[in-house]
Amino acid sequence: MPATDMPAVPFVEVVVVGALDAAAIPRMRVQLEDAAALRPVHMVVDLADCPRLDAAGIDLLVSVHRAVWSSGGRLTLRGMSSRLYRLLALARVDRVLQTAPTPAGYEPRHRSPGTSGRTEAAGTECSQRDDEVRWWETAATG
């Protein structure tokens, strides 16, 4: 593997808030591809606040998995509901995409304990500490 393709960042976390469906793909594609472009060793997509996933969302997750894998990293989908697990199984990508449950008591670092993590402002925020980058979507107003 050429040195330019080696993972550059140890960990990237993307929290998806809202459905990952055809309507959300244009916005989420940019966020997920930007996160994958950082060439993380481990990229986690937190789907705990994602109520729906459709074929376009699954295609995006597989595409991001390929991008992360090709740069030597791994992608993990975390916190999925049983419904989302079933959709991945129906699409036959459940053995390609690595999944993990949300650990008990887990709160992403960008959330205050006891809050849902949602804010009133729309947009995307990024928090960077040393060699770790975390991206997340803030809830849209309306």
C-alpha atoms as a PDB file:
ATOM      1  CA  MET A   1       0.000   0.000   0.000  1.00  0.00           C
ATOM      2  CA  PRO A   2       1.541   3.384  -0.971  1.00  0.00           C
ATOM      3  CA  ALA A   3       2.261   5.750   1.922  1.00  0.00           C
ATOM      4  CA  THR A   4      -0.378   8.202   0.622  1.00  0.00           C
ATOM      5  CA  ASP A   5      -3.057   5.507   1.009  1.00  0.00           C
ATOM      6  CA  MET A   6      -2.182   4.695   4.610  1.00  0.00           C
ATOM      7  CA  PRO A   7      -4.745   5.672   7.245  1.00  0.00           C
ATOM      8  CA  ALA A   8      -4.105   9.214   8.470  1.00  0.00           C
ATOM      9  CA  VAL A   9      -6.493   9.659  11.422  1.00  0.00           C
ATOM     10  CA  PRO A  10      -7.054   6.998  14.096  1.00  0.00           C
ATOM     11  CA  PHE A  11     -10.786   7.536  14.615  1.00  0.00           C
ATOM     12  CA  VAL A  12     -13.694   9.357  12.972  1.00  0.00           C
ATOM     13  CA  GLU A  13     -17.274   9.240  14.257  1.00  0.00           C
ATOM     14  CA  VAL A  14     -20.281  10.380  12.232  1.00  0.00           C
ATOM     15  CA  VAL A  15     -23.634  10.572  14.018  1.00  0.00           C
ATOM     16  CA  VAL A  16     -26.643  10.358  11.709  1.00  0.00           C
ATOM     17  CA  VAL A  17     -29.721  12.136  13.030  1.00  0.00           C
ATOM     18  CA  GLY A  18     -32.836  11.428  10.982  1.00  0.00           C
ATOM     19  CA  ALA A  19     -33.611   9.090   8.125  1.00  0.00           C
ATOM     20  CA  LEU A  20     -30.853   7.938   5.806  1.00  0.00           C
ATOM     21  CA  ASP A  21     -33.018   7.796   2.720  1.00  0.00           C
ATOM     22  CA  ALA A  22     -33.056   9.175  -0.822  1.00  0.00           C
ATOM     23  CA  ALA A  23     -34.048  12.647   0.405  1.00  0.00           C
ATOM     24  CA  ALA A  24     -31.089  12.810   2.809  1.00  0.00           C
ATOM     25  CA  ILE A  25     -28.467  11.285   0.508  1.00  0.00           C
ATOM     26  CA  PRO A  26     -27.234  14.502  -1.163  1.00  0.00           C
ATOM     27  CA  ARG A  27     -26.471  16.061   2.243  1.00  0.00           C
ATOM     28  CA  MET A  28     -25.176  12.915   3.915  1.00  0.00           C
ATOM     29  CA  ARG A  29     -23.023  11.808   0.955  1.00  0.00           C
ATOM     30  CA  VAL A  30     -20.903  14.936   1.353  1.00  0.00           C
ATOM     31  CA  GLN A  31     -20.522  14.412   5.114  1.00  0.00           C
ATOM     32  CA  LEU A  32     -19.675  10.722   4.907  1.00  0.00           C
ATOM     33  CA  GLU A  33     -17.333  11.081   1.940  1.00  0.00           C
ATOM     34  CA  ASP A  34     -15.524  13.985   3.665  1.00  0.00           C
ATOM     35  CA  ALA A  35     -15.097  11.832   6.768  1.00  0.00           C
ATOM     36  CA  ALA A  36     -13.834   8.881   4.672  1.00  0.00           C
ATOM     37  CA  ALA A  37     -11.420  11.212   2.847  1.00  0.00           C
ATOM     38  CA  LEU A  38      -9.617  11.708   6.169  1.00  0.00           C
ATOM     39  CA  ARG A  39      -8.471   8.080   5.753  1.00  0.00           C
ATOM     40  CA  PRO A  40      -9.352   6.967   9.276  1.00  0.00           C
ATOM     41  CA  VAL A  41      -8.095   3.744  10.798  1.00  0.00           C
ATOM     42  CA  HIS A  42     -11.592   3.283  12.225  1.00  0.00           C
ATOM     43  CA  MET A  43     -14.713   5.136  11.134  1.00  0.00           C
ATOM     44  CA  VAL A  44     -17.916   4.706  13.127  1.00  0.00           C
ATOM     45  CA  VAL A  45     -21.306   5.729  11.763  1.00  0.00           C
ATOM     46  CA  ASP A  46     -23.701   6.034  14.709  1.00  0.00           C
ATOM     47  CA  LEU A  47     -27.233   5.182  13.554  1.00  0.00           C
ATOM     48  CA  ALA A  48     -28.929   5.223  16.975  1.00  0.00           C
ATOM     49  CA  ASP A  49     -30.965   8.293  15.958  1.00  0.00           C
ATOM     50  CA  CYS A  50     -31.693   7.017  12.439  1.00  0.00           C
ATOM     51  CA  PRO A  51     -35.294   5.771  12.228  1.00  0.00           C
ATOM     52  CA  ARG A  52     -35.272   4.768   8.535  1.00  0.00           C
ATOM     53  CA  LEU A  53     -32.867   3.474   5.940  1.00  0.00           C
ATOM     54  CA  ASP A  54     -33.677   2.783   2.303  1.00  0.00           C
ATOM     55  CA  ALA A  55     -31.794   1.348  -0.684  1.00  0.00           C
ATOM     56  CA  ALA A  56     -30.095   4.683  -1.375  1.00  0.00           C
ATOM     57  CA  GLY A  57     -28.875   4.831   2.222  1.00  0.00           C
ATOM     58  CA  ILE A  58     -27.579   1.269   2.086  1.00  0.00           C
ATOM     59  CA  ASP A  59     -25.787   2.046  -1.180  1.00  0.00           C
ATOM     60  CA  LEU A  60     -24.156   5.079   0.434  1.00  0.00           C
ATOM     61  CA  LEU A  61     -22.998   3.049   3.449  1.00  0.00           C
ATOM     62  CA  VAL A  62     -21.508   0.362   1.171  1.00  0.00           C
ATOM     63  CA  SER A  63     -19.765   3.053  -0.893  1.00  0.00           C
ATOM     64  CA  VAL A  64     -18.276   4.633   2.232  1.00  0.00           C
ATOM     65  CA  HIS A  65     -17.240   1.170   3.481  1.00  0.00           C
ATOM     66  CA  ARG A  66     -15.344   0.613   0.215  1.00  0.00           C
ATOM     67  CA  ALA A  67     -13.629   4.002   0.445  1.00  0.00           C
ATOM     68  CA  VAL A  68     -12.528   3.450   4.047  1.00  0.00           C
ATOM     69  CA  TRP A  69     -11.479  -0.159   3.362  1.00  0.00           C
ATOM     70  CA  SER A  70      -9.441   0.839   0.289  1.00  0.00           C
ATOM     71  CA  SER A  71      -7.377   3.234   2.407  1.00  0.00           C
ATOM     72  CA  GLY A  72      -6.652   0.526   4.976  1.00  0.00           C
ATOM     73  CA  GLY A  73      -9.332   1.426   7.521  1.00  0.00           C
ATOM     74  CA  ARG A  74     -12.550  -0.148   8.710  1.00  0.00           C
ATOM     75  CA  LEU A  75     -16.124   1.096   8.991  1.00  0.00           C
ATOM     76  CA  THR A  76     -18.466   0.145  11.823  1.00  0.00           C
ATOM     77  CA  LEU A  77     -22.189   0.906  11.966  1.00  0.00           C
ATOM     78  CA  ARG A  78     -23.177   1.415  15.584  1.00  0.00           C
ATOM     79  CA  GLY A  79     -26.428   1.627  17.516  1.00  0.00           C
ATOM     80  CA  MET A  80     -28.769   0.333  14.834  1.00  0.00           C
ATOM     81  CA  SER A  81     -32.333  -0.673  15.637  1.00  0.00           C
ATOM     82  CA  SER A  82     -33.462  -4.231  14.916  1.00  0.00           C
ATOM     83  CA  ARG A  83     -35.397  -2.828  11.955  1.00  0.00           C
ATOM     84  CA  LEU A  84     -32.216  -1.424  10.404  1.00  0.00           C
ATOM     85  CA  TYR A  85     -30.416  -4.744  11.017  1.00  0.00           C
ATOM     86  CA  ARG A  86     -33.217  -6.552   9.168  1.00  0.00           C
ATOM     87  CA  LEU A  87     -32.948  -4.135   6.230  1.00  0.00           C
ATOM     88  CA  LEU A  88     -29.214  -4.812   5.941  1.00  0.00           C
ATOM     89  CA  ALA A  89     -29.915  -8.547   6.018  1.00  0.00           C
ATOM     90  CA  LEU A  90     -32.592  -8.240   3.332  1.00  0.00           C
ATOM     91  CA  ALA A  91     -30.162  -6.287   1.161  1.00  0.00           C
ATOM     92  CA  ARG A  92     -27.567  -9.004   1.854  1.00  0.00           C
ATOM     93  CA  VAL A  93     -24.934  -6.551   3.037  1.00  0.00           C
ATOM     94  CA  ASP A  94     -25.104  -7.532   6.708  1.00  0.00           C
ATOM     95  CA  ARG A  95     -21.971  -9.660   6.270  1.00  0.00           C
ATOM     96  CA  VAL A  96     -20.088  -6.900   4.477  1.00  0.00           C
ATOM     97  CA  LEU A  97     -20.858  -4.010   6.804  1.00  0.00           C
ATOM     98  CA  GLN A  98     -19.533  -4.419  10.333  1.00  0.00           C
ATOM     99  CA  THR A  99     -22.064  -3.539  13.041  1.00  0.00           C
ATOM    100  CA  ALA A 100     -21.851  -2.979  16.782  1.00  0.00           C
ATOM    101  CA  PRO A 101     -24.416  -2.222  19.457  1.00  0.00           C
ATOM    102  CA  THR A 102     -24.313   1.045  21.357  1.00  0.00           C
ATOM    103  CA  PRO A 103     -22.505   0.377  24.643  1.00  0.00           C
ATOM    104  CA  ALA A 104     -24.658   0.776  27.761  1.00  0.00           C
ATOM    105  CA  GLY A 105     -24.428   4.309  29.103  1.00  0.00           C
ATOM    106  CA  TYR A 106     -22.617   5.567  25.989  1.00  0.00           C
ATOM    107  CA  GLU A 107     -22.814   9.269  25.226  1.00  0.00           C
ATOM    108  CA  PRO A 108     -20.847  10.605  22.242  1.00  0.00           C
ATOM    109  CA  ARG A 109     -18.240  13.113  23.405  1.00  0.00           C
ATOM    110  CA  HIS A 110     -19.984  15.969  21.628  1.00  0.00           C
ATOM    111  CA  ARG A 111     -23.191  15.425  23.650  1.00  0.00           C
ATOM    112  CA  SER A 112     -23.812  16.540  27.183  1.00  0.00           C
ATOM    113  CA  PRO A 113     -24.766  13.691  29.519  1.00  0.00           C
ATOM    114  CA  GLY A 114     -28.522  13.222  29.672  1.00  0.00           C
ATOM    115  CA  THR A 115     -29.325  15.115  26.474  1.00  0.00           C
ATOM    116  CA  SER A 116     -30.416  13.736  23.151  1.00  0.00           C
ATOM    117  CA  GLY A 117     -27.547  15.508  21.401  1.00  0.00           C
ATOM    118  CA  ARG A 118     -29.925  17.376  19.126  1.00  0.00           C
ATOM    119  CA  THR A 119     -29.671  21.112  18.805  1.00  0.00           C
ATOM    120  CA  GLU A 120     -31.964  23.744  17.370  1.00  0.00           C
ATOM    121  CA  ALA A 121     -29.542  24.959  14.712  1.00  0.00           C
ATOM    122  CA  ALA A 122     -29.397  23.180  11.373  1.00  0.00           C
ATOM    123  CA  GLY A 123     -26.104  22.218   9.802  1.00  0.00           C
ATOM    124  CA  THR A 124     -23.013  20.221  10.470  1.00  0.00           C
ATOM    125  CA  GLU A 125     -20.494  20.601  13.217  1.00  0.00           C
ATOM    126  CA  CYS A 126     -17.017  19.190  13.539  1.00  0.00           C
ATOM    127  CA  SER A 127     -14.994  18.680  16.674  1.00  0.00           C
ATOM    128  CA  GLN A 128     -11.285  17.958  16.424  1.00  0.00           C
ATOM    129  CA  ARG A 129      -9.048  16.923  19.299  1.00  0.00           C
ATOM    130  CA  ASP A 130      -5.438  16.096  18.628  1.00  0.00           C
ATOM    131  CA  ASP A 131      -5.504  13.262  16.082  1.00  0.00           C
ATOM    132  CA  GLU A 132      -9.215  12.465  16.376  1.00  0.00           C
ATOM    133  CA  VAL A 133     -12.012  14.002  14.309  1.00  0.00           C
ATOM    134  CA  ARG A 134     -15.727  13.623  15.000  1.00  0.00           C
ATOM    135  CA  TRP A 135     -18.436  14.771  12.583  1.00  0.00           C
ATOM    136  CA  TRP A 136     -22.105  14.853  13.364  1.00  0.00           C
ATOM    137  CA  GLU A 137     -25.334  16.146  11.940  1.00  0.00           C
ATOM    138  CA  THR A 138     -27.384  18.550  13.962  1.00  0.00           C
ATOM    139  CA  ALA A 139     -31.142  18.244  13.749  1.00  0.00           C
ATOM    140  CA  ALA A 140     -32.861  20.425  11.177  1.00  0.00           C
ATOM    141  CA  THR A 141     -35.416  22.885  12.446  1.00  0.00           C
ATOM    142  CA  GLY A 142     -38.900  22.930  11.114  1.00  0.00           C
END
